Amino acid sequence: MYKKITNGVTIGFVLLGLSTCLGAAEVGNEALIEKVKYNYRLIGTMNNPPKEVQLAAVHKNYRAIQYINNPDKEVQLAAVNQNYHAISYIKNPDKEAQLSAVNQNFYSIQNIENPDKETQLSAVKQSHYAIRYIKNPDTEVLKLAQIKMLEK
């Protein structure tokens, strides 16, 4: 790229992918996708990155979801499908993302602040122990957990 870079600030801009600060033309989606494929954390330095860029970052590493403000439903689902731990990084996860995480591992319900009834039921169907991790369980979910405990 550059044979000799002596200015530390310039190095920082290049490493962070902030080439617009160096006077370059506006960066296209393809260039942004390449940047997040190289380092998924760069998604946090971008203001309102396009959905394709968000998906590329999440496909690189599910932890990229923590650097995205208000991720789209599709982006949430992509992260959770990669690893159910991604649900812990999503502030208000979509119902589908909640279900996907819980279907992979019922323990992930402990990382969902307000799981909906269907998600609660899914977790308790897997194991009655899931009831321990639900803050305000639905009455139907409580009954199911009791039934499952008596079956053991």
C-alpha atoms as a PDB file:
ATOM      1  CA  MET A   1       0.000   0.000   0.000  1.00  0.00           C
ATOM      2  CA  TYR A   2       2.397   2.701   1.198  1.00  0.00           C
ATOM      3  CA  LYS A   3       6.118   2.075   1.100  1.00  0.00           C
ATOM      4  CA  LYS A   4       6.863   4.382   3.960  1.00  0.00           C
ATOM      5  CA  ILE A   5       4.361   5.627   6.506  1.00  0.00           C
ATOM      6  CA  THR A   6       5.885   7.784   9.185  1.00  0.00           C
ATOM      7  CA  ASN A   7       2.836   9.462  10.662  1.00  0.00           C
ATOM      8  CA  GLY A   8       1.196   7.381  13.425  1.00  0.00           C
ATOM      9  CA  VAL A   9      -2.147   9.048  12.814  1.00  0.00           C
ATOM     10  CA  THR A  10      -2.098   7.969   9.184  1.00  0.00           C
ATOM     11  CA  ILE A  11      -1.330   4.419  10.253  1.00  0.00           C
ATOM     12  CA  GLY A  12      -4.280   4.529  12.661  1.00  0.00           C
ATOM     13  CA  PHE A  13      -6.640   5.752   9.958  1.00  0.00           C
ATOM     14  CA  VAL A  14      -5.512   3.057   7.566  1.00  0.00           C
ATOM     15  CA  LEU A  15      -5.829   0.334  10.196  1.00  0.00           C
ATOM     16  CA  LEU A  16      -9.290   1.504  11.180  1.00  0.00           C
ATOM     17  CA  GLY A  17     -10.394   1.726   7.605  1.00  0.00           C
ATOM     18  CA  LEU A  18     -11.062   5.441   7.787  1.00  0.00           C
ATOM     19  CA  SER A  19      -9.698   6.185   4.350  1.00  0.00           C
ATOM     20  CA  THR A  20     -12.232   8.994   3.869  1.00  0.00           C
ATOM     21  CA  CYS A  21     -10.217  10.980   6.389  1.00  0.00           C
ATOM     22  CA  LEU A  22      -7.234  10.694   4.070  1.00  0.00           C
ATOM     23  CA  GLY A  23      -9.120  12.393   1.245  1.00  0.00           C
ATOM     24  CA  ALA A  24     -10.060   9.237  -0.666  1.00  0.00           C
ATOM     25  CA  ALA A  25     -13.406   8.914  -2.414  1.00  0.00           C
ATOM     26  CA  GLU A  26     -16.391   7.529  -0.527  1.00  0.00           C
ATOM     27  CA  VAL A  27     -15.952   3.832   0.231  1.00  0.00           C
ATOM     28  CA  GLY A  28     -18.410   1.451  -1.471  1.00  0.00           C
ATOM     29  CA  ASN A  29     -20.168  -1.520   0.114  1.00  0.00           C
ATOM     30  CA  GLU A  30     -17.690  -3.983  -1.366  1.00  0.00           C
ATOM     31  CA  ALA A  31     -14.765  -2.202   0.260  1.00  0.00           C
ATOM     32  CA  LEU A  32     -16.596  -2.070   3.597  1.00  0.00           C
ATOM     33  CA  ILE A  33     -17.401  -5.769   3.342  1.00  0.00           C
ATOM     34  CA  GLU A  34     -13.734  -6.542   2.756  1.00  0.00           C
ATOM     35  CA  LYS A  35     -12.789  -4.440   5.790  1.00  0.00           C
ATOM     36  CA  VAL A  36     -15.169  -6.269   8.140  1.00  0.00           C
ATOM     37  CA  LYS A  37     -14.103  -9.619   6.706  1.00  0.00           C
ATOM     38  CA  TYR A  38     -10.558  -8.684   7.681  1.00  0.00           C
ATOM     39  CA  ASN A  39     -11.554  -7.380  11.119  1.00  0.00           C
ATOM     40  CA  TYR A  40     -15.182  -7.718  12.244  1.00  0.00           C
ATOM     41  CA  ARG A  41     -14.698  -5.117  15.008  1.00  0.00           C
ATOM     42  CA  LEU A  42     -14.455  -2.387  12.372  1.00  0.00           C
ATOM     43  CA  ILE A  43     -18.248  -2.536  12.087  1.00  0.00           C
ATOM     44  CA  GLY A  44     -18.310  -0.507  15.314  1.00  0.00           C
ATOM     45  CA  THR A  45     -16.505   2.395  13.650  1.00  0.00           C
ATOM     46  CA  MET A  46     -19.119   2.738  10.901  1.00  0.00           C
ATOM     47  CA  ASN A  47     -22.203   4.930  11.144  1.00  0.00           C
ATOM     48  CA  ASN A  48     -25.295   3.004  10.028  1.00  0.00           C
ATOM     49  CA  PRO A  49     -23.515   0.329   7.997  1.00  0.00           C
ATOM     50  CA  PRO A  50     -25.614  -1.255   5.245  1.00  0.00           C
ATOM     51  CA  LYS A  51     -27.282  -4.591   5.953  1.00  0.00           C
ATOM     52  CA  GLU A  52     -24.897  -6.448   3.635  1.00  0.00           C
ATOM     53  CA  VAL A  53     -21.917  -5.134   5.607  1.00  0.00           C
ATOM     54  CA  GLN A  54     -23.555  -6.099   8.900  1.00  0.00           C
ATOM     55  CA  LEU A  55     -24.202  -9.610   7.589  1.00  0.00           C
ATOM     56  CA  ALA A  56     -20.600  -9.930   6.395  1.00  0.00           C
ATOM     57  CA  ALA A  57     -19.304  -8.934   9.828  1.00  0.00           C
ATOM     58  CA  VAL A  58     -21.635 -11.344  11.619  1.00  0.00           C
ATOM     59  CA  HIS A  59     -20.707 -14.175   9.248  1.00  0.00           C
ATOM     60  CA  LYS A  60     -17.047 -13.506  10.032  1.00  0.00           C
ATOM     61  CA  ASN A  61     -17.717 -13.683  13.784  1.00  0.00           C
ATOM     62  CA  TYR A  62     -21.030 -13.736  15.654  1.00  0.00           C
ATOM     63  CA  ARG A  63     -19.581 -11.341  18.256  1.00  0.00           C
ATOM     64  CA  ALA A  64     -19.763  -8.541  15.672  1.00  0.00           C
ATOM     65  CA  ILE A  65     -23.442  -8.203  16.634  1.00  0.00           C
ATOM     66  CA  GLN A  66     -22.401  -6.376  19.811  1.00  0.00           C
ATOM     67  CA  TYR A  67     -20.967  -3.514  17.751  1.00  0.00           C
ATOM     68  CA  ILE A  68     -24.109  -2.987  15.653  1.00  0.00           C
ATOM     69  CA  ASN A  69     -26.770  -0.587  16.926  1.00  0.00           C
ATOM     70  CA  ASN A  70     -30.301  -1.936  16.408  1.00  0.00           C
ATOM     71  CA  PRO A  71     -29.401  -4.883  14.200  1.00  0.00           C
ATOM     72  CA  ASP A  72     -31.989  -5.974  11.656  1.00  0.00           C
ATOM     73  CA  LYS A  73     -33.975  -9.184  12.280  1.00  0.00           C
ATOM     74  CA  GLU A  74     -32.041 -10.994   9.553  1.00  0.00           C
ATOM     75  CA  VAL A  75     -28.700  -9.920  11.043  1.00  0.00           C
ATOM     76  CA  GLN A  76     -29.796 -11.069  14.519  1.00  0.00           C
ATOM     77  CA  LEU A  77     -30.849 -14.437  13.153  1.00  0.00           C
ATOM     78  CA  ALA A  78     -27.589 -14.867  11.219  1.00  0.00           C
ATOM     79  CA  ALA A  79     -25.562 -14.225  14.383  1.00  0.00           C
ATOM     80  CA  VAL A  80     -27.656 -16.540  16.563  1.00  0.00           C
ATOM     81  CA  ASN A  81     -27.656 -19.297  13.941  1.00  0.00           C
ATOM     82  CA  GLN A  82     -23.872 -19.140  13.949  1.00  0.00           C
ATOM     83  CA  ASN A  83     -23.707 -19.382  17.757  1.00  0.00           C
ATOM     84  CA  TYR A  84     -26.503 -19.173  20.329  1.00  0.00           C
ATOM     85  CA  HIS A  85     -24.267 -17.064  22.599  1.00  0.00           C
ATOM     86  CA  ALA A  86     -24.901 -14.148  20.210  1.00  0.00           C
ATOM     87  CA  ILE A  87     -28.294 -13.650  21.873  1.00  0.00           C
ATOM     88  CA  SER A  88     -26.519 -12.198  24.908  1.00  0.00           C
ATOM     89  CA  TYR A  89     -25.205  -9.311  22.779  1.00  0.00           C
ATOM     90  CA  ILE A  90     -28.602  -8.317  21.358  1.00  0.00           C
ATOM     91  CA  LYS A  91     -30.526  -5.728  23.374  1.00  0.00           C
ATOM     92  CA  ASN A  92     -34.073  -6.537  22.229  1.00  0.00           C
ATOM     93  CA  PRO A  93     -33.834  -9.752  20.236  1.00  0.00           C
ATOM     94  CA  ASP A  94     -36.463 -10.603  17.673  1.00  0.00           C
ATOM     95  CA  LYS A  95     -38.806 -13.523  18.437  1.00  0.00           C
ATOM     96  CA  GLU A  96     -37.184 -15.696  15.758  1.00  0.00           C
ATOM     97  CA  ALA A  97     -33.704 -15.016  17.147  1.00  0.00           C
ATOM     98  CA  GLN A  98     -34.928 -15.876  20.654  1.00  0.00           C
ATOM     99  CA  LEU A  99     -36.397 -19.176  19.466  1.00  0.00           C
ATOM    100  CA  SER A 100     -33.312 -20.062  17.473  1.00  0.00           C
ATOM    101  CA  ALA A 101     -31.038 -19.525  20.480  1.00  0.00           C
ATOM    102  CA  VAL A 102     -33.280 -21.454  22.864  1.00  0.00           C
ATOM    103  CA  ASN A 103     -33.729 -24.312  20.390  1.00  0.00           C
ATOM    104  CA  GLN A 104     -29.949 -24.661  20.241  1.00  0.00           C
ATOM    105  CA  ASN A 105     -29.536 -24.574  24.012  1.00  0.00           C
ATOM    106  CA  PHE A 106     -32.251 -23.917  26.601  1.00  0.00           C
ATOM    107  CA  TYR A 107     -29.715 -22.214  28.906  1.00  0.00           C
ATOM    108  CA  SER A 108     -29.612 -19.282  26.496  1.00  0.00           C
ATOM    109  CA  ILE A 109     -32.980 -18.160  27.860  1.00  0.00           C
ATOM    110  CA  GLN A 110     -31.096 -16.668  30.795  1.00  0.00           C
ATOM    111  CA  ASN A 111     -29.597 -14.108  28.387  1.00  0.00           C
ATOM    112  CA  ILE A 112     -32.975 -12.942  27.088  1.00  0.00           C
ATOM    113  CA  GLU A 113     -34.418 -10.155  29.206  1.00  0.00           C
ATOM    114  CA  ASN A 114     -38.097 -10.607  28.335  1.00  0.00           C
ATOM    115  CA  PRO A 115     -38.590 -13.869  26.463  1.00  0.00           C
ATOM    116  CA  ASP A 116     -42.011 -14.268  24.886  1.00  0.00           C
ATOM    117  CA  LYS A 117     -44.314 -17.136  25.847  1.00  0.00           C
ATOM    118  CA  GLU A 118     -43.394 -19.312  22.875  1.00  0.00           C
ATOM    119  CA  THR A 119     -39.683 -18.995  23.691  1.00  0.00           C
ATOM    120  CA  GLN A 120     -40.347 -19.840  27.341  1.00  0.00           C
ATOM    121  CA  LEU A 121     -42.348 -22.911  26.338  1.00  0.00           C
ATOM    122  CA  SER A 122     -39.634 -24.064  23.975  1.00  0.00           C
ATOM    123  CA  ALA A 123     -36.995 -23.850  26.704  1.00  0.00           C
ATOM    124  CA  VAL A 124     -39.116 -25.657  29.309  1.00  0.00           C
ATOM    125  CA  LYS A 125     -40.050 -28.393  26.822  1.00  0.00           C
ATOM    126  CA  GLN A 126     -36.341 -29.154  26.520  1.00  0.00           C
ATOM    127  CA  SER A 127     -35.782 -29.171  30.271  1.00  0.00           C
ATOM    128  CA  HIS A 128     -37.781 -28.183  33.324  1.00  0.00           C
ATOM    129  CA  TYR A 129     -34.568 -26.599  34.658  1.00  0.00           C
ATOM    130  CA  ALA A 130     -35.078 -23.737  32.208  1.00  0.00           C
ATOM    131  CA  ILE A 131     -37.760 -22.342  34.521  1.00  0.00           C
ATOM    132  CA  ARG A 132     -34.974 -21.224  36.866  1.00  0.00           C
ATOM    133  CA  TYR A 133     -33.714 -18.757  34.283  1.00  0.00           C
ATOM    134  CA  ILE A 134     -37.025 -17.134  33.373  1.00  0.00           C
ATOM    135  CA  LYS A 135     -37.680 -14.003  35.461  1.00  0.00           C
ATOM    136  CA  ASN A 136     -41.444 -13.733  35.036  1.00  0.00           C
ATOM    137  CA  PRO A 137     -42.647 -17.023  33.584  1.00  0.00           C
ATOM    138  CA  ASP A 138     -46.090 -17.326  32.049  1.00  0.00           C
ATOM    139  CA  THR A 139     -48.547 -19.447  34.098  1.00  0.00           C
ATOM    140  CA  GLU A 140     -48.799 -21.998  31.293  1.00  0.00           C
ATOM    141  CA  VAL A 141     -45.015 -22.298  31.298  1.00  0.00           C
ATOM    142  CA  LEU A 142     -45.005 -22.814  35.085  1.00  0.00           C
ATOM    143  CA  LYS A 143     -47.556 -25.607  34.752  1.00  0.00           C
ATOM    144  CA  LEU A 144     -45.548 -27.289  32.030  1.00  0.00           C
ATOM    145  CA  ALA A 145     -42.394 -27.119  34.170  1.00  0.00           C
ATOM    146  CA  GLN A 146     -44.252 -28.719  37.095  1.00  0.00           C
ATOM    147  CA  ILE A 147     -45.551 -31.511  34.884  1.00  0.00           C
ATOM    148  CA  LYS A 148     -42.081 -32.168  33.487  1.00  0.00           C
ATOM    149  CA  MET A 149     -40.607 -32.247  37.005  1.00  0.00           C
ATOM    150  CA  LEU A 150     -43.163 -34.858  38.112  1.00  0.00           C
ATOM    151  CA  GLU A 151     -42.347 -37.004  35.084  1.00  0.00           C
ATOM    152  CA  LYS A 152     -38.727 -37.382  36.208  1.00  0.00           C
END
